[in-house]
Every structure is written in structure tokens, then in C-alpha cells.
Amino acid sequence: MSLRLEGLIGAWEKTVESVERGYELGLDDYLNDLDVRQLIAETLAIDRVENAQKYLERVRRADERMRNRVRLTGHCLWGNAAATRHGWSAEKNWWYFSVPKTAGPELLVDLNSDRR
């Protein structure tokens, strides 16, 4: 489990870096990146992870950086039906309810097309 969690957290940290640089991919890629953060939350909630405090601290630092680079949207990027079905909320699953403050053209077009 530790290797899987290590990989997920590493992927989340890379997503945060790409958002800090100005996210250049589209909405599908962004949603996939946000799903990684959801998997981290689910993994930490279910499993008794050895060295959990080390992982929690890395996630906390990455989340803090990410929160500084996103703005809340007021709705779930996967759609309200998905949020209801999975029990996601803007407080608990904030990553699904936020977009990069600096988004590239592809993501901006996708967000403005209201595909979800």
C-alpha cells in the first residue's frame, strides 16, 4: 500500500506544480488529476497506512499550495449528479469544486463550454 500511496501523492504533487505553472491541459486531464487526489483521500480513510503522518504532511503541503492557485466554482466539475451520488461536497472534496486561477486555453474553452 505504501508504494501505491507514494505514487499517488507524487502524482498529486506534480499536478500542483502544473497548476502553479499555469495548467495547459484540458478538462478531461484536469478531472483525471483531481481523481488522484480523491484516491489519496479514500486510501488514507480506509487503510491503516504505515507512516501515515509522513504522507498526511506531504498531502497537506501540496493541498495548501493547490488551494493558493485555484478558485472555487460553486459546482462540482464532474456535475451535480456525480457529487450527489458520491457524497462529495465543496468543503470535504474541494478539489472537485475548484479550477486553476491560471488556466491554459484548452481548459478555459472546456470550462466555458459547460460540458458537464
C-alpha atoms as a PDB file:
ATOM      1  CA  MET A   1       0.000   0.000   0.000  1.00  0.00           C
ATOM      2  CA  SER A   2       2.798   2.413   0.806  1.00  0.00           C
ATOM      3  CA  LEU A   3       4.194   2.275  -2.735  1.00  0.00           C
ATOM      4  CA  ARG A   4       0.760   2.914  -4.255  1.00  0.00           C
ATOM      5  CA  LEU A   5       0.152   5.815  -1.897  1.00  0.00           C
ATOM      6  CA  GLU A   6       3.631   7.172  -2.553  1.00  0.00           C
ATOM      7  CA  GLY A   7       2.887   7.142  -6.298  1.00  0.00           C
ATOM      8  CA  LEU A   8      -0.495   8.824  -5.857  1.00  0.00           C
ATOM      9  CA  ILE A   9       0.958  11.578  -3.690  1.00  0.00           C
ATOM     10  CA  GLY A  10       3.808  12.077  -6.157  1.00  0.00           C
ATOM     11  CA  ALA A  11       1.270  12.415  -8.974  1.00  0.00           C
ATOM     12  CA  TRP A  12      -0.736  14.946  -6.933  1.00  0.00           C
ATOM     13  CA  GLU A  13       2.400  16.968  -6.242  1.00  0.00           C
ATOM     14  CA  LYS A  14       3.101  17.035  -9.996  1.00  0.00           C
ATOM     15  CA  THR A  15      -0.462  18.212 -10.658  1.00  0.00           C
ATOM     16  CA  VAL A  16       0.043  21.014  -8.142  1.00  0.00           C
ATOM     17  CA  GLU A  17       3.271  22.002  -9.914  1.00  0.00           C
ATOM     18  CA  SER A  18       1.497  22.102 -13.268  1.00  0.00           C
ATOM     19  CA  VAL A  19      -1.275  24.273 -11.820  1.00  0.00           C
ATOM     20  CA  GLU A  20       1.343  26.587 -10.331  1.00  0.00           C
ATOM     21  CA  ARG A  21       2.904  26.958 -13.793  1.00  0.00           C
ATOM     22  CA  GLY A  22      -0.469  27.522 -15.444  1.00  0.00           C
ATOM     23  CA  TYR A  23      -2.442  24.377 -16.270  1.00  0.00           C
ATOM     24  CA  GLU A  24      -2.096  23.707 -20.007  1.00  0.00           C
ATOM     25  CA  LEU A  25      -4.246  20.595 -20.448  1.00  0.00           C
ATOM     26  CA  GLY A  26      -7.985  20.242 -20.935  1.00  0.00           C
ATOM     27  CA  LEU A  27     -10.834  19.411 -18.594  1.00  0.00           C
ATOM     28  CA  ASP A  28     -10.635  15.631 -19.042  1.00  0.00           C
ATOM     29  CA  ASP A  29      -6.984  15.667 -17.987  1.00  0.00           C
ATOM     30  CA  TYR A  30      -7.742  18.013 -15.101  1.00  0.00           C
ATOM     31  CA  LEU A  31     -10.524  15.731 -13.862  1.00  0.00           C
ATOM     32  CA  ASN A  32      -8.189  12.742 -14.055  1.00  0.00           C
ATOM     33  CA  ASP A  33      -5.645  14.686 -11.991  1.00  0.00           C
ATOM     34  CA  LEU A  34      -8.326  15.552  -9.436  1.00  0.00           C
ATOM     35  CA  ASP A  35      -9.352  11.892  -9.261  1.00  0.00           C
ATOM     36  CA  VAL A  36      -5.829  11.167  -7.990  1.00  0.00           C
ATOM     37  CA  ARG A  37      -6.492  13.490  -5.058  1.00  0.00           C
ATOM     38  CA  GLN A  38      -9.768  11.679  -4.390  1.00  0.00           C
ATOM     39  CA  LEU A  39      -7.959   8.319  -4.412  1.00  0.00           C
ATOM     40  CA  ILE A  40      -5.497   9.673  -1.852  1.00  0.00           C
ATOM     41  CA  ALA A  41      -8.376  10.715   0.413  1.00  0.00           C
ATOM     42  CA  GLU A  42     -10.073   7.336   0.055  1.00  0.00           C
ATOM     43  CA  THR A  43      -6.844   5.407   0.634  1.00  0.00           C
ATOM     44  CA  LEU A  44      -5.955   7.363   3.756  1.00  0.00           C
ATOM     45  CA  ALA A  45      -9.506   6.974   5.088  1.00  0.00           C
ATOM     46  CA  ILE A  46      -9.737   3.209   4.604  1.00  0.00           C
ATOM     47  CA  ASP A  47      -6.325   1.715   5.187  1.00  0.00           C
ATOM     48  CA  ARG A  48      -4.089   1.739   8.177  1.00  0.00           C
ATOM     49  CA  VAL A  49      -1.150   3.246   6.390  1.00  0.00           C
ATOM     50  CA  GLU A  50       2.277   2.760   7.876  1.00  0.00           C
ATOM     51  CA  ASN A  51       3.991   6.144   8.333  1.00  0.00           C
ATOM     52  CA  ALA A  52       0.623   7.826   7.740  1.00  0.00           C
ATOM     53  CA  GLN A  53       1.792  11.061   9.371  1.00  0.00           C
ATOM     54  CA  LYS A  54       4.557  11.436   6.770  1.00  0.00           C
ATOM     55  CA  TYR A  55       2.019  11.028   3.965  1.00  0.00           C
ATOM     56  CA  LEU A  56      -0.525  13.320   5.593  1.00  0.00           C
ATOM     57  CA  GLU A  57       2.070  16.068   5.890  1.00  0.00           C
ATOM     58  CA  ARG A  58       3.003  15.796   2.192  1.00  0.00           C
ATOM     59  CA  VAL A  59      -0.648  15.906   1.174  1.00  0.00           C
ATOM     60  CA  ARG A  60      -1.296  18.860   3.496  1.00  0.00           C
ATOM     61  CA  ARG A  61       1.594  20.821   1.960  1.00  0.00           C
ATOM     62  CA  ALA A  62       0.514  20.015  -1.613  1.00  0.00           C
ATOM     63  CA  ASP A  63      -3.105  20.891  -0.795  1.00  0.00           C
ATOM     64  CA  GLU A  64      -2.071  24.222   0.689  1.00  0.00           C
ATOM     65  CA  ARG A  65      -0.115  25.078  -2.454  1.00  0.00           C
ATOM     66  CA  MET A  66      -3.025  23.988  -4.642  1.00  0.00           C
ATOM     67  CA  ARG A  67      -5.608  25.980  -2.679  1.00  0.00           C
ATOM     68  CA  ASN A  68      -3.497  29.091  -3.281  1.00  0.00           C
ATOM     69  CA  ARG A  69      -3.711  28.527  -7.059  1.00  0.00           C
ATOM     70  CA  VAL A  70      -7.382  27.629  -7.529  1.00  0.00           C
ATOM     71  CA  ARG A  71     -10.706  29.361  -7.135  1.00  0.00           C
ATOM     72  CA  LEU A  72     -13.973  27.787  -6.050  1.00  0.00           C
ATOM     73  CA  THR A  73     -16.539  27.299  -8.811  1.00  0.00           C
ATOM     74  CA  GLY A  74     -19.709  26.796  -6.776  1.00  0.00           C
ATOM     75  CA  HIS A  75     -20.390  23.486  -8.504  1.00  0.00           C
ATOM     76  CA  CYS A  76     -18.769  20.080  -8.924  1.00  0.00           C
ATOM     77  CA  LEU A  77     -16.683  19.762 -12.088  1.00  0.00           C
ATOM     78  CA  TRP A  78     -17.972  16.206 -12.521  1.00  0.00           C
ATOM     79  CA  GLY A  79     -21.532  17.554 -12.321  1.00  0.00           C
ATOM     80  CA  ASN A  80     -24.053  17.850  -9.529  1.00  0.00           C
ATOM     81  CA  ALA A  81     -25.415  14.352 -10.117  1.00  0.00           C
ATOM     82  CA  ALA A  82     -21.957  12.847  -9.577  1.00  0.00           C
ATOM     83  CA  ALA A  83     -21.426  14.952  -6.454  1.00  0.00           C
ATOM     84  CA  THR A  84     -24.735  13.764  -5.021  1.00  0.00           C
ATOM     85  CA  ARG A  85     -24.132  10.124  -5.977  1.00  0.00           C
ATOM     86  CA  HIS A  86     -20.671  10.070  -4.356  1.00  0.00           C
ATOM     87  CA  GLY A  87     -21.457  12.368  -1.437  1.00  0.00           C
ATOM     88  CA  TRP A  88     -18.869  14.962  -2.478  1.00  0.00           C
ATOM     89  CA  SER A  89     -19.031  18.446  -1.033  1.00  0.00           C
ATOM     90  CA  ALA A  90     -17.125  21.664  -1.608  1.00  0.00           C
ATOM     91  CA  GLU A  91     -15.861  21.501   1.972  1.00  0.00           C
ATOM     92  CA  LYS A  92     -14.693  17.885   2.019  1.00  0.00           C
ATOM     93  CA  ASN A  93     -13.778  17.376  -1.655  1.00  0.00           C
ATOM     94  CA  TRP A  94     -12.796  20.946  -2.530  1.00  0.00           C
ATOM     95  CA  TRP A  95     -10.605  19.780  -5.436  1.00  0.00           C
ATOM     96  CA  TYR A  96     -13.700  18.823  -7.459  1.00  0.00           C
ATOM     97  CA  PHE A  97     -15.207  22.271  -6.861  1.00  0.00           C
ATOM     98  CA  SER A  98     -12.270  24.433  -7.933  1.00  0.00           C
ATOM     99  CA  VAL A  99     -10.401  25.431 -11.059  1.00  0.00           C
ATOM    100  CA  PRO A 100      -6.926  26.876 -11.609  1.00  0.00           C
ATOM    101  CA  LYS A 101      -6.752  30.650 -11.406  1.00  0.00           C
ATOM    102  CA  THR A 102      -4.300  30.431 -14.297  1.00  0.00           C
ATOM    103  CA  ALA A 103      -5.724  28.006 -16.834  1.00  0.00           C
ATOM    104  CA  GLY A 104      -4.488  27.453 -20.345  1.00  0.00           C
ATOM    105  CA  PRO A 105      -6.658  27.986 -23.423  1.00  0.00           C
ATOM    106  CA  GLU A 106      -7.794  24.352 -23.699  1.00  0.00           C
ATOM    107  CA  LEU A 107      -9.088  24.210 -20.127  1.00  0.00           C
ATOM    108  CA  LEU A 108     -10.725  27.617 -20.453  1.00  0.00           C
ATOM    109  CA  VAL A 109     -12.592  26.531 -23.582  1.00  0.00           C
ATOM    110  CA  ASP A 110     -13.689  23.294 -21.892  1.00  0.00           C
ATOM    111  CA  LEU A 111     -14.853  25.120 -18.758  1.00  0.00           C
ATOM    112  CA  ASN A 112     -16.777  27.680 -20.765  1.00  0.00           C
ATOM    113  CA  SER A 113     -18.459  25.040 -22.923  1.00  0.00           C
ATOM    114  CA  ASP A 114     -20.271  23.667 -19.832  1.00  0.00           C
ATOM    115  CA  ARG A 115     -19.699  20.072 -20.947  1.00  0.00           C
ATOM    116  CA  ARG A 116     -20.648  18.547 -17.599  1.00  0.00           C
END
